[in-house]
Amino acid sequence: MAKDFDPRRLDVRRFAEEGGQLDASDALGTYPRLVKETVETERRAREVRWHARGEILNPRHVQPEVWVHVEADASVPLVCQRCLQAVDVPLSVDRSFRFVADEATAAAEDDEAEEDLLALSRSFDLVELVEDELLMELPLSPRHDVCPEAVKMSAEDPGFEAAGAEKVHPFAVLGRLKTGK
């Protein structure tokens, strides 16, 4: 079994046929699209760990199925939507992908397939797939369970208060008309 698989230019069929496995622990900075979503000051010493395993199902069938199983996890610093401070958000991915002959086949079978379908390639970027999957795991509104500081839940506008104090109330005018003042 060959051990020389390059995750940036992976021959998916060969990887699956040989039951290949790849493991990596990369710096968060090597995932530029994921980095754009994080808090800049909190990125140091962050890692993305992932594992990929290939396999062929129904190898003696006319069209054997090519599968790649991917697991990944990371803890990324995002902005809490309540207190606007950094919050560590754990991300975890555990997905299986079936590879088909081309994009047209993937599109045609996608509606009926429960699994994720991708087109076979001799230079597939597995690292980019890991980044895509982690990006899809990002929460829409990251928040602390309990924010480190009390969150001010009201807004004050001194100009608004002053304008309300100076305004003459319409019923006060009616009252003056009634009393003749």
C-alpha atoms as a PDB file:
ATOM      1  CA  MET A   1       0.000   0.000   0.000  1.00  0.00           C
ATOM      2  CA  ALA A   2       1.369   3.392  -0.983  1.00  0.00           C
ATOM      3  CA  LYS A   3       1.696   6.032   1.717  1.00  0.00           C
ATOM      4  CA  ASP A   4       2.517   8.990  -0.518  1.00  0.00           C
ATOM      5  CA  PHE A   5      -0.907  10.645  -0.717  1.00  0.00           C
ATOM      6  CA  ASP A   6      -0.858  14.422  -1.044  1.00  0.00           C
ATOM      7  CA  PRO A   7      -3.998  15.917   0.553  1.00  0.00           C
ATOM      8  CA  ARG A   8      -3.745  18.965  -1.752  1.00  0.00           C
ATOM      9  CA  ARG A   9      -3.645  16.820  -4.940  1.00  0.00           C
ATOM     10  CA  LEU A  10      -5.340  13.573  -3.962  1.00  0.00           C
ATOM     11  CA  ASP A  11      -6.025  10.854  -6.526  1.00  0.00           C
ATOM     12  CA  VAL A  12      -9.339   9.888  -4.926  1.00  0.00           C
ATOM     13  CA  ARG A  13      -9.812   6.545  -6.698  1.00  0.00           C
ATOM     14  CA  ARG A  14      -6.300   5.337  -5.810  1.00  0.00           C
ATOM     15  CA  PHE A  15      -6.739   6.600  -2.236  1.00  0.00           C
ATOM     16  CA  ALA A  16      -9.957   4.560  -1.912  1.00  0.00           C
ATOM     17  CA  GLU A  17      -8.592   1.469  -3.697  1.00  0.00           C
ATOM     18  CA  GLU A  18      -5.603   1.321  -1.370  1.00  0.00           C
ATOM     19  CA  GLY A  19      -7.677   2.022   1.740  1.00  0.00           C
ATOM     20  CA  GLY A  20      -5.597   5.129   2.259  1.00  0.00           C
ATOM     21  CA  GLN A  21      -5.625   7.187   5.420  1.00  0.00           C
ATOM     22  CA  LEU A  22      -4.421  10.700   6.063  1.00  0.00           C
ATOM     23  CA  ASP A  23      -4.138  12.579   9.346  1.00  0.00           C
ATOM     24  CA  ALA A  24      -3.123  16.166   9.912  1.00  0.00           C
ATOM     25  CA  SER A  25      -2.952  18.789  12.591  1.00  0.00           C
ATOM     26  CA  ASP A  26      -2.604  22.143  10.842  1.00  0.00           C
ATOM     27  CA  ALA A  27      -2.363  25.687  12.169  1.00  0.00           C
ATOM     28  CA  LEU A  28      -5.645  27.558  11.854  1.00  0.00           C
ATOM     29  CA  GLY A  29      -3.795  30.104   9.698  1.00  0.00           C
ATOM     30  CA  THR A  30      -3.495  27.571   6.859  1.00  0.00           C
ATOM     31  CA  TYR A  31      -7.271  27.823   6.319  1.00  0.00           C
ATOM     32  CA  PRO A  32      -7.706  31.381   4.979  1.00  0.00           C
ATOM     33  CA  ARG A  33     -11.493  31.354   4.575  1.00  0.00           C
ATOM     34  CA  LEU A  34     -11.969  30.026   8.100  1.00  0.00           C
ATOM     35  CA  VAL A  35      -9.510  32.603   9.457  1.00  0.00           C
ATOM     36  CA  LYS A  36     -11.619  35.431   7.972  1.00  0.00           C
ATOM     37  CA  GLU A  37     -14.469  34.409  10.281  1.00  0.00           C
ATOM     38  CA  THR A  38     -12.404  34.504  13.480  1.00  0.00           C
ATOM     39  CA  VAL A  39     -11.285  37.143  15.972  1.00  0.00           C
ATOM     40  CA  GLU A  40      -7.824  38.262  14.887  1.00  0.00           C
ATOM     41  CA  THR A  41      -6.249  38.568  18.340  1.00  0.00           C
ATOM     42  CA  GLU A  42      -7.330  35.065  19.376  1.00  0.00           C
ATOM     43  CA  ARG A  43      -5.869  32.980  16.498  1.00  0.00           C
ATOM     44  CA  ARG A  44      -2.474  32.075  17.949  1.00  0.00           C
ATOM     45  CA  ALA A  45      -1.734  28.403  18.579  1.00  0.00           C
ATOM     46  CA  ARG A  46      -5.092  27.256  17.191  1.00  0.00           C
ATOM     47  CA  GLU A  47      -5.157  23.956  15.334  1.00  0.00           C
ATOM     48  CA  VAL A  48      -7.429  22.138  12.939  1.00  0.00           C
ATOM     49  CA  ARG A  49      -7.176  18.374  13.309  1.00  0.00           C
ATOM     50  CA  TRP A  50      -8.555  16.060  10.662  1.00  0.00           C
ATOM     51  CA  HIS A  51      -8.528  12.440   9.506  1.00  0.00           C
ATOM     52  CA  ALA A  52      -9.579  11.001   6.145  1.00  0.00           C
ATOM     53  CA  ARG A  53     -10.055   7.386   5.114  1.00  0.00           C
ATOM     54  CA  GLY A  54     -10.810   6.015   1.664  1.00  0.00           C
ATOM     55  CA  GLU A  55     -12.631   2.824   0.762  1.00  0.00           C
ATOM     56  CA  ILE A  56     -14.228   1.009  -2.148  1.00  0.00           C
ATOM     57  CA  LEU A  57     -17.670  -0.501  -1.590  1.00  0.00           C
ATOM     58  CA  ASN A  58     -18.875  -3.298  -3.886  1.00  0.00           C
ATOM     59  CA  PRO A  59     -15.404  -3.755  -5.436  1.00  0.00           C
ATOM     60  CA  ARG A  60     -16.519  -6.551  -7.791  1.00  0.00           C
ATOM     61  CA  HIS A  61     -19.541  -4.613  -9.058  1.00  0.00           C
ATOM     62  CA  VAL A  62     -19.553  -3.094 -12.555  1.00  0.00           C
ATOM     63  CA  GLN A  63     -19.430   0.350 -10.940  1.00  0.00           C
ATOM     64  CA  PRO A  64     -17.776   0.077  -7.523  1.00  0.00           C
ATOM     65  CA  GLU A  65     -18.485   2.944  -5.139  1.00  0.00           C
ATOM     66  CA  VAL A  66     -15.613   5.228  -4.162  1.00  0.00           C
ATOM     67  CA  TRP A  67     -15.972   6.670  -0.656  1.00  0.00           C
ATOM     68  CA  VAL A  68     -13.948   9.066   1.477  1.00  0.00           C
ATOM     69  CA  HIS A  69     -14.796   9.514   5.156  1.00  0.00           C
ATOM     70  CA  VAL A  70     -13.681  12.781   6.781  1.00  0.00           C
ATOM     71  CA  GLU A  71     -13.533  13.729  10.440  1.00  0.00           C
ATOM     72  CA  ALA A  72     -12.328  17.142  11.580  1.00  0.00           C
ATOM     73  CA  ASP A  73     -12.419  19.272  14.680  1.00  0.00           C
ATOM     74  CA  ALA A  74     -11.250  22.685  15.751  1.00  0.00           C
ATOM     75  CA  SER A  75     -11.983  25.355  18.322  1.00  0.00           C
ATOM     76  CA  VAL A  76     -12.247  28.776  16.696  1.00  0.00           C
ATOM     77  CA  PRO A  77     -12.515  32.221  18.285  1.00  0.00           C
ATOM     78  CA  LEU A  78     -15.606  34.063  17.054  1.00  0.00           C
ATOM     79  CA  VAL A  79     -17.379  37.256  18.149  1.00  0.00           C
ATOM     80  CA  CYS A  80     -20.172  36.726  20.694  1.00  0.00           C
ATOM     81  CA  GLN A  81     -23.305  38.390  19.343  1.00  0.00           C
ATOM     82  CA  ARG A  82     -24.410  39.483  22.823  1.00  0.00           C
ATOM     83  CA  CYS A  83     -21.308  40.962  24.451  1.00  0.00           C
ATOM     84  CA  LEU A  84     -19.138  41.404  21.310  1.00  0.00           C
ATOM     85  CA  GLN A  85     -16.136  39.680  22.931  1.00  0.00           C
ATOM     86  CA  ALA A  86     -14.306  36.562  21.755  1.00  0.00           C
ATOM     87  CA  VAL A  87     -15.976  33.217  22.358  1.00  0.00           C
ATOM     88  CA  ASP A  88     -14.391  29.808  21.651  1.00  0.00           C
ATOM     89  CA  VAL A  89     -16.676  27.739  19.457  1.00  0.00           C
ATOM     90  CA  PRO A  90     -15.923  24.035  19.004  1.00  0.00           C
ATOM     91  CA  LEU A  91     -16.487  22.725  15.478  1.00  0.00           C
ATOM     92  CA  SER A  92     -16.777  19.053  14.620  1.00  0.00           C
ATOM     93  CA  VAL A  93     -17.274  17.304  11.284  1.00  0.00           C
ATOM     94  CA  ASP A  94     -17.930  13.620  10.613  1.00  0.00           C
ATOM     95  CA  ARG A  95     -19.052  13.098   6.999  1.00  0.00           C
ATOM     96  CA  SER A  96     -18.836  10.523   4.265  1.00  0.00           C
ATOM     97  CA  PHE A  97     -18.635  11.392   0.579  1.00  0.00           C
ATOM     98  CA  ARG A  98     -19.360   9.167  -2.377  1.00  0.00           C
ATOM     99  CA  PHE A  99     -17.424  10.040  -5.505  1.00  0.00           C
ATOM    100  CA  VAL A 100     -19.032   9.645  -8.923  1.00  0.00           C
ATOM    101  CA  ALA A 101     -17.665   9.907 -12.453  1.00  0.00           C
ATOM    102  CA  ASP A 102     -18.279  13.619 -13.052  1.00  0.00           C
ATOM    103  CA  GLU A 103     -20.198  16.757 -12.029  1.00  0.00           C
ATOM    104  CA  ALA A 104     -23.154  15.904 -14.278  1.00  0.00           C
ATOM    105  CA  THR A 105     -23.593  12.511 -12.598  1.00  0.00           C
ATOM    106  CA  ALA A 106     -23.305  14.119  -9.167  1.00  0.00           C
ATOM    107  CA  ALA A 107     -25.984  16.682 -10.055  1.00  0.00           C
ATOM    108  CA  ALA A 108     -28.272  14.010 -11.516  1.00  0.00           C
ATOM    109  CA  GLU A 109     -28.022  11.702  -8.484  1.00  0.00           C
ATOM    110  CA  ASP A 110     -27.904  14.385  -5.795  1.00  0.00           C
ATOM    111  CA  ASP A 111     -31.665  14.670  -5.186  1.00  0.00           C
ATOM    112  CA  GLU A 112     -32.127  10.962  -4.569  1.00  0.00           C
ATOM    113  CA  ALA A 113     -28.895  10.256  -2.674  1.00  0.00           C
ATOM    114  CA  GLU A 114     -28.775  10.563   1.094  1.00  0.00           C
ATOM    115  CA  GLU A 115     -24.983  10.901   1.084  1.00  0.00           C
ATOM    116  CA  ASP A 116     -22.944  13.826  -0.193  1.00  0.00           C
ATOM    117  CA  LEU A 117     -21.787  13.349  -3.798  1.00  0.00           C
ATOM    118  CA  LEU A 118     -18.618  14.740  -5.344  1.00  0.00           C
ATOM    119  CA  ALA A 119     -16.944  14.291  -8.719  1.00  0.00           C
ATOM    120  CA  LEU A 120     -13.927  11.985  -8.974  1.00  0.00           C
ATOM    121  CA  SER A 121     -10.606  13.707  -9.472  1.00  0.00           C
ATOM    122  CA  ARG A 122      -6.950  12.814  -9.715  1.00  0.00           C
ATOM    123  CA  SER A 123      -6.006  16.069  -7.997  1.00  0.00           C
ATOM    124  CA  PHE A 124      -8.716  16.590  -5.391  1.00  0.00           C
ATOM    125  CA  ASP A 125      -7.981  19.165  -2.656  1.00  0.00           C
ATOM    126  CA  LEU A 126      -8.911  17.348   0.553  1.00  0.00           C
ATOM    127  CA  VAL A 127      -7.731  20.250   2.739  1.00  0.00           C
ATOM    128  CA  GLU A 128     -10.166  22.563   0.960  1.00  0.00           C
ATOM    129  CA  LEU A 129     -12.963  20.060   1.578  1.00  0.00           C
ATOM    130  CA  VAL A 130     -12.098  20.028   5.295  1.00  0.00           C
ATOM    131  CA  GLU A 131     -12.227  23.840   5.319  1.00  0.00           C
ATOM    132  CA  ASP A 132     -15.581  23.835   3.480  1.00  0.00           C
ATOM    133  CA  GLU A 133     -17.079  21.435   6.001  1.00  0.00           C
ATOM    134  CA  LEU A 134     -15.793  23.423   8.996  1.00  0.00           C
ATOM    135  CA  LEU A 135     -17.193  26.637   7.499  1.00  0.00           C
ATOM    136  CA  MET A 136     -20.610  25.002   7.205  1.00  0.00           C
ATOM    137  CA  GLU A 137     -20.445  24.132  10.916  1.00  0.00           C
ATOM    138  CA  LEU A 138     -20.026  27.779  11.996  1.00  0.00           C
ATOM    139  CA  PRO A 139     -23.014  28.979  14.004  1.00  0.00           C
ATOM    140  CA  LEU A 140     -25.086  31.828  12.584  1.00  0.00           C
ATOM    141  CA  SER A 141     -25.036  33.670  15.897  1.00  0.00           C
ATOM    142  CA  PRO A 142     -22.146  32.615  18.156  1.00  0.00           C
ATOM    143  CA  ARG A 143     -22.707  33.375  21.839  1.00  0.00           C
ATOM    144  CA  HIS A 144     -21.305  32.591  25.255  1.00  0.00           C
ATOM    145  CA  ASP A 145     -23.522  30.438  27.444  1.00  0.00           C
ATOM    146  CA  VAL A 146     -22.931  33.132  30.054  1.00  0.00           C
ATOM    147  CA  CYS A 147     -21.149  36.289  28.922  1.00  0.00           C
ATOM    148  CA  PRO A 148     -18.038  37.245  30.972  1.00  0.00           C
ATOM    149  CA  GLU A 149     -19.452  40.733  31.598  1.00  0.00           C
ATOM    150  CA  ALA A 150     -23.017  41.824  32.197  1.00  0.00           C
ATOM    151  CA  VAL A 151     -24.628  42.811  28.922  1.00  0.00           C
ATOM    152  CA  LYS A 152     -26.364  46.190  28.849  1.00  0.00           C
ATOM    153  CA  MET A 153     -29.765  45.476  27.362  1.00  0.00           C
ATOM    154  CA  SER A 154     -31.051  49.043  26.993  1.00  0.00           C
ATOM    155  CA  ALA A 155     -30.070  52.153  25.128  1.00  0.00           C
ATOM    156  CA  GLU A 156     -30.271  55.726  26.300  1.00  0.00           C
ATOM    157  CA  ASP A 157     -30.462  58.775  24.104  1.00  0.00           C
ATOM    158  CA  PRO A 158     -30.272  62.036  26.076  1.00  0.00           C
ATOM    159  CA  GLY A 159     -31.522  64.010  23.065  1.00  0.00           C
ATOM    160  CA  PHE A 160     -34.655  61.887  22.911  1.00  0.00           C
ATOM    161  CA  GLU A 161     -35.397  62.436  26.602  1.00  0.00           C
ATOM    162  CA  ALA A 162     -34.871  66.214  26.281  1.00  0.00           C
ATOM    163  CA  ALA A 163     -37.163  66.428  23.242  1.00  0.00           C
ATOM    164  CA  GLY A 164     -39.908  64.602  25.114  1.00  0.00           C
ATOM    165  CA  ALA A 165     -39.660  67.002  28.087  1.00  0.00           C
ATOM    166  CA  GLU A 166     -40.009  70.136  25.941  1.00  0.00           C
ATOM    167  CA  LYS A 167     -42.980  68.885  23.945  1.00  0.00           C
ATOM    168  CA  VAL A 168     -46.344  70.446  24.818  1.00  0.00           C
ATOM    169  CA  HIS A 169     -48.951  67.786  25.351  1.00  0.00           C
ATOM    170  CA  PRO A 170     -52.150  68.330  23.308  1.00  0.00           C
ATOM    171  CA  PHE A 171     -54.502  67.654  26.223  1.00  0.00           C
ATOM    172  CA  ALA A 172     -52.727  70.316  28.290  1.00  0.00           C
ATOM    173  CA  VAL A 173     -53.678  72.853  25.622  1.00  0.00           C
ATOM    174  CA  LEU A 174     -57.314  71.703  25.790  1.00  0.00           C
ATOM    175  CA  GLY A 175     -57.272  72.057  29.546  1.00  0.00           C
ATOM    176  CA  ARG A 176     -56.101  75.650  29.260  1.00  0.00           C
ATOM    177  CA  LEU A 177     -58.875  76.456  26.744  1.00  0.00           C
ATOM    178  CA  LYS A 178     -61.488  75.057  29.112  1.00  0.00           C
ATOM    179  CA  THR A 179     -60.292  77.085  32.070  1.00  0.00           C
ATOM    180  CA  GLY A 180     -59.743  80.161  29.955  1.00  0.00           C
ATOM    181  CA  LYS A 181     -56.063  80.600  30.759  1.00  0.00           C
END
